[in-house]
């Protein structure tokens, strides 16, 4: 391979250099750290919500569902008493 050809070669991922620079600037900026903290906090809240819905899903369904103790039937019975 000639020296001229080696000098003219472009990196394989030429267009991705700006991503690395942008990430370094983002991580060096205090606002970038704050954004990452908020993203992690949001992800943890989402995981906690999904886990609680999975664990308590049946109980919540029975509470607000159409069973005899469900909120819908309780409201209907109270409405009948008033009406």
N, C-alpha and C. Protein backbone atom coordinates (compact mmCIF):
# COMPACT_ATOMS: atom_id res chain seq x y z
N UNK A 1 0.85 -1.17 0.00
CA UNK A 1 0.00 0.00 0.00
C UNK A 1 0.90 1.23 0.00
N UNK A 2 0.63 2.17 -0.86
CA UNK A 2 1.46 3.36 -0.94
C UNK A 2 1.16 4.32 0.21
N UNK A 3 2.12 5.20 0.46
CA UNK A 3 1.95 6.16 1.55
C UNK A 3 0.82 7.13 1.26
N UNK A 4 0.68 7.52 -0.01
CA UNK A 4 -0.40 8.44 -0.37
C UNK A 4 -1.76 7.82 -0.10
N UNK A 5 -1.88 6.55 -0.44
CA UNK A 5 -3.16 5.87 -0.23
C UNK A 5 -3.46 5.75 1.27
N UNK A 6 -2.44 5.47 2.07
CA UNK A 6 -2.64 5.33 3.52
C UNK A 6 -3.06 6.67 4.14
N UNK A 7 -2.51 7.76 3.64
CA UNK A 7 -2.86 9.08 4.18
C UNK A 7 -4.28 9.47 3.81
N UNK A 8 -4.73 9.04 2.64
CA UNK A 8 -6.05 9.43 2.15
C UNK A 8 -7.17 8.57 2.74
N UNK A 9 -6.80 7.47 3.37
CA UNK A 9 -7.84 6.58 3.90
C UNK A 9 -8.64 7.28 4.99
N UNK A 10 -9.91 7.11 4.94
CA UNK A 10 -10.81 7.68 5.93
C UNK A 10 -11.12 6.60 6.96
N UNK A 11 -11.40 6.97 8.18
CA UNK A 11 -11.82 5.96 9.15
C UNK A 11 -13.12 5.30 8.68
N UNK A 12 -13.30 4.07 9.08
CA UNK A 12 -14.50 3.33 8.66
C UNK A 12 -15.76 4.05 9.13
N UNK A 13 -15.74 4.51 10.35
CA UNK A 13 -16.91 5.17 10.93
C UNK A 13 -16.70 6.68 10.98
N UNK A 14 -16.37 7.26 9.84
CA UNK A 14 -16.05 8.68 9.77
C UNK A 14 -17.18 9.55 10.32
N UNK A 15 -18.39 9.21 10.03
CA UNK A 15 -19.52 10.02 10.46
C UNK A 15 -19.87 9.89 11.92
N UNK A 16 -19.24 8.96 12.61
CA UNK A 16 -19.59 8.75 14.02
C UNK A 16 -18.67 9.47 14.99
N UNK A 17 -17.67 10.17 14.49
CA UNK A 17 -16.77 10.90 15.40
C UNK A 17 -17.53 11.92 16.23
N UNK A 18 -18.48 12.59 15.61
CA UNK A 18 -19.22 13.63 16.32
C UNK A 18 -20.01 13.06 17.48
N UNK A 19 -20.39 11.79 17.40
CA UNK A 19 -21.13 11.17 18.51
C UNK A 19 -20.26 11.11 19.75
N UNK A 20 -19.01 10.70 19.58
CA UNK A 20 -18.08 10.64 20.71
C UNK A 20 -17.83 12.01 21.31
N UNK A 21 -17.65 13.00 20.44
CA UNK A 21 -17.43 14.36 20.95
C UNK A 21 -18.67 14.87 21.68
N UNK A 22 -19.83 14.62 21.12
CA UNK A 22 -21.06 15.07 21.76
C UNK A 22 -21.26 14.38 23.11
N UNK A 23 -20.96 13.09 23.18
CA UNK A 23 -21.10 12.37 24.45
C UNK A 23 -20.14 12.91 25.49
N UNK A 24 -18.89 13.20 25.09
CA UNK A 24 -17.93 13.76 26.05
C UNK A 24 -18.38 15.12 26.56
N UNK A 25 -18.89 15.96 25.65
CA UNK A 25 -19.39 17.28 26.08
C UNK A 25 -20.60 17.11 27.00
N UNK A 26 -21.49 16.20 26.65
CA UNK A 26 -22.70 15.97 27.44
C UNK A 26 -22.35 15.48 28.84
N UNK A 27 -21.40 14.55 28.94
CA UNK A 27 -21.03 14.00 30.24
C UNK A 27 -20.22 14.99 31.06
N UNK A 28 -19.47 15.90 30.42
CA UNK A 28 -18.69 16.89 31.14
C UNK A 28 -19.57 18.03 31.66
N UNK A 29 -20.69 18.27 31.00
CA UNK A 29 -21.59 19.35 31.38
C UNK A 29 -22.42 18.93 32.60
N UNK A 30 -22.51 19.76 33.63
CA UNK A 30 -23.32 19.40 34.81
C UNK A 30 -24.78 19.15 34.46
N UNK A 31 -25.30 19.85 33.46
CA UNK A 31 -26.68 19.61 33.05
C UNK A 31 -26.85 18.21 32.48
N UNK A 32 -25.80 17.71 31.83
CA UNK A 32 -25.85 16.35 31.31
C UNK A 32 -25.96 15.33 32.42
N UNK A 33 -25.21 15.55 33.50
CA UNK A 33 -25.28 14.65 34.65
C UNK A 33 -26.66 14.69 35.27
N UNK A 34 -27.25 15.86 35.35
CA UNK A 34 -28.60 15.99 35.90
C UNK A 34 -29.61 15.25 35.04
N UNK A 35 -29.47 15.36 33.73
CA UNK A 35 -30.39 14.67 32.83
C UNK A 35 -30.28 13.16 33.00
N UNK A 36 -29.05 12.67 33.15
CA UNK A 36 -28.85 11.23 33.35
C UNK A 36 -29.47 10.79 34.67
N UNK A 37 -29.31 11.60 35.72
CA UNK A 37 -29.91 11.26 37.01
C UNK A 37 -31.42 11.19 36.91
N UNK A 38 -32.04 12.15 36.23
CA UNK A 38 -33.49 12.13 36.06
C UNK A 38 -33.93 10.92 35.24
N UNK A 39 -33.17 10.58 34.22
CA UNK A 39 -33.51 9.40 33.41
C UNK A 39 -33.45 8.13 34.25
N UNK A 40 -32.41 7.99 35.08
CA UNK A 40 -32.31 6.82 35.95
C UNK A 40 -33.44 6.79 36.97
N UNK A 41 -33.78 7.94 37.53
CA UNK A 41 -34.88 8.02 38.49
C UNK A 41 -36.20 7.62 37.84
N UNK A 42 -36.44 8.12 36.64
CA UNK A 42 -37.65 7.75 35.91
C UNK A 42 -37.71 6.27 35.60
N UNK A 43 -36.58 5.70 35.23
CA UNK A 43 -36.53 4.26 34.94
C UNK A 43 -36.81 3.44 36.19
N UNK A 44 -36.26 3.87 37.33
CA UNK A 44 -36.52 3.14 38.58
C UNK A 44 -37.98 3.23 38.99
N UNK A 45 -38.60 4.39 38.81
CA UNK A 45 -40.02 4.54 39.13
C UNK A 45 -40.86 3.65 38.21
N UNK A 46 -40.51 3.59 36.94
CA UNK A 46 -41.24 2.74 36.00
C UNK A 46 -41.13 1.27 36.39
N UNK A 47 -39.94 0.83 36.77
CA UNK A 47 -39.75 -0.56 37.19
C UNK A 47 -40.56 -0.85 38.45
N UNK A 48 -40.57 0.10 39.40
CA UNK A 48 -41.33 -0.09 40.64
C UNK A 48 -42.83 -0.18 40.34
N UNK A 49 -43.33 0.65 39.43
CA UNK A 49 -44.75 0.60 39.06
C UNK A 49 -45.10 -0.73 38.41
N UNK A 50 -44.29 -1.16 37.48
CA UNK A 50 -44.56 -2.43 36.80
C UNK A 50 -44.53 -3.58 37.79
N UNK A 51 -43.56 -3.58 38.70
CA UNK A 51 -43.47 -4.65 39.69
C UNK A 51 -44.68 -4.64 40.61
N UNK A 52 -45.11 -3.46 41.05
CA UNK A 52 -46.26 -3.41 41.96
C UNK A 52 -47.55 -3.81 41.26
N UNK A 53 -47.71 -3.44 39.99
CA UNK A 53 -48.90 -3.86 39.25
C UNK A 53 -48.90 -5.37 39.05
N UNK A 54 -47.73 -5.93 38.86
CA UNK A 54 -47.63 -7.38 38.70
C UNK A 54 -47.98 -8.09 40.00
N UNK A 55 -47.47 -7.58 41.11
CA UNK A 55 -47.69 -8.23 42.40
C UNK A 55 -49.13 -8.03 42.88
N UNK A 56 -49.63 -6.80 42.78
CA UNK A 56 -50.94 -6.48 43.34
C UNK A 56 -52.04 -6.40 42.29
N UNK A 57 -51.78 -6.85 41.09
CA UNK A 57 -52.74 -6.72 40.00
C UNK A 57 -54.09 -7.35 40.29
N UNK A 58 -54.11 -8.58 40.80
CA UNK A 58 -55.37 -9.26 41.10
C UNK A 58 -56.12 -8.55 42.21
N UNK A 59 -55.41 -8.12 43.25
CA UNK A 59 -56.06 -7.43 44.36
C UNK A 59 -56.67 -6.11 43.90
N UNK A 60 -55.97 -5.38 43.04
CA UNK A 60 -56.52 -4.13 42.52
C UNK A 60 -57.71 -4.39 41.62
N UNK A 61 -57.65 -5.45 40.84
CA UNK A 61 -58.77 -5.81 39.98
C UNK A 61 -60.00 -6.14 40.80
N UNK A 62 -59.82 -6.86 41.91
CA UNK A 62 -60.95 -7.18 42.77
C UNK A 62 -61.49 -5.94 43.48
N UNK A 63 -60.60 -5.04 43.86
CA UNK A 63 -61.02 -3.82 44.55
C UNK A 63 -61.87 -2.94 43.65
N UNK A 64 -61.44 -2.73 42.43
CA UNK A 64 -62.15 -1.84 41.52
C UNK A 64 -63.01 -2.59 40.51
N UNK A 65 -63.03 -3.89 40.59
CA UNK A 65 -63.74 -4.70 39.61
C UNK A 65 -65.23 -4.77 39.85
N UNK A 66 -65.84 -5.81 39.31
CA UNK A 66 -67.29 -5.95 39.36
C UNK A 66 -67.74 -6.97 40.39
N UNK A 67 -66.83 -7.44 41.22
CA UNK A 67 -67.21 -8.39 42.27
C UNK A 67 -68.13 -7.74 43.29
N UNK A 68 -68.66 -8.52 44.24
CA UNK A 68 -69.61 -7.97 45.21
C UNK A 68 -69.01 -6.85 46.07
N UNK A 69 -67.71 -6.89 46.29
CA UNK A 69 -67.08 -5.83 47.08
C UNK A 69 -66.40 -4.79 46.23
N UNK A 70 -66.57 -4.90 44.92
CA UNK A 70 -65.91 -3.96 44.01
C UNK A 70 -66.51 -2.57 44.10
N UNK A 71 -65.71 -1.60 43.77
CA UNK A 71 -66.14 -0.20 43.88
C UNK A 71 -67.36 0.07 43.01
N UNK A 72 -67.44 -0.55 41.84
CA UNK A 72 -68.58 -0.33 40.96
C UNK A 72 -69.89 -0.76 41.59
N UNK A 73 -69.91 -1.93 42.22
CA UNK A 73 -71.13 -2.41 42.86
C UNK A 73 -71.47 -1.63 44.11
N UNK A 74 -70.47 -1.23 44.86
CA UNK A 74 -70.73 -0.42 46.06
C UNK A 74 -71.37 0.90 45.67
N UNK A 75 -70.87 1.54 44.65
CA UNK A 75 -71.44 2.81 44.19
C UNK A 75 -72.86 2.59 43.68
N UNK A 76 -73.07 1.50 42.94
CA UNK A 76 -74.41 1.22 42.42
C UNK A 76 -75.40 1.00 43.56
N UNK A 77 -75.01 0.26 44.60
CA UNK A 77 -75.91 0.02 45.75
C UNK A 77 -76.24 1.32 46.47
N UNK A 78 -75.23 2.16 46.65
CA UNK A 78 -75.47 3.44 47.33
C UNK A 78 -76.37 4.34 46.49
N UNK A 79 -76.21 4.31 45.18
CA UNK A 79 -77.06 5.11 44.30
C UNK A 79 -78.50 4.64 44.37
N UNK A 80 -78.70 3.32 44.42
CA UNK A 80 -80.06 2.77 44.53
C UNK A 80 -80.71 3.20 45.84
N UNK A 81 -79.94 3.23 46.92
CA UNK A 81 -80.48 3.66 48.21
C UNK A 81 -80.92 5.12 48.16
N UNK A 82 -80.17 5.94 47.46
CA UNK A 82 -80.51 7.36 47.37
C UNK A 82 -81.68 7.60 46.42
N UNK A 83 -81.80 6.78 45.41
CA UNK A 83 -82.78 7.01 44.35
C UNK A 83 -84.08 6.45 44.68
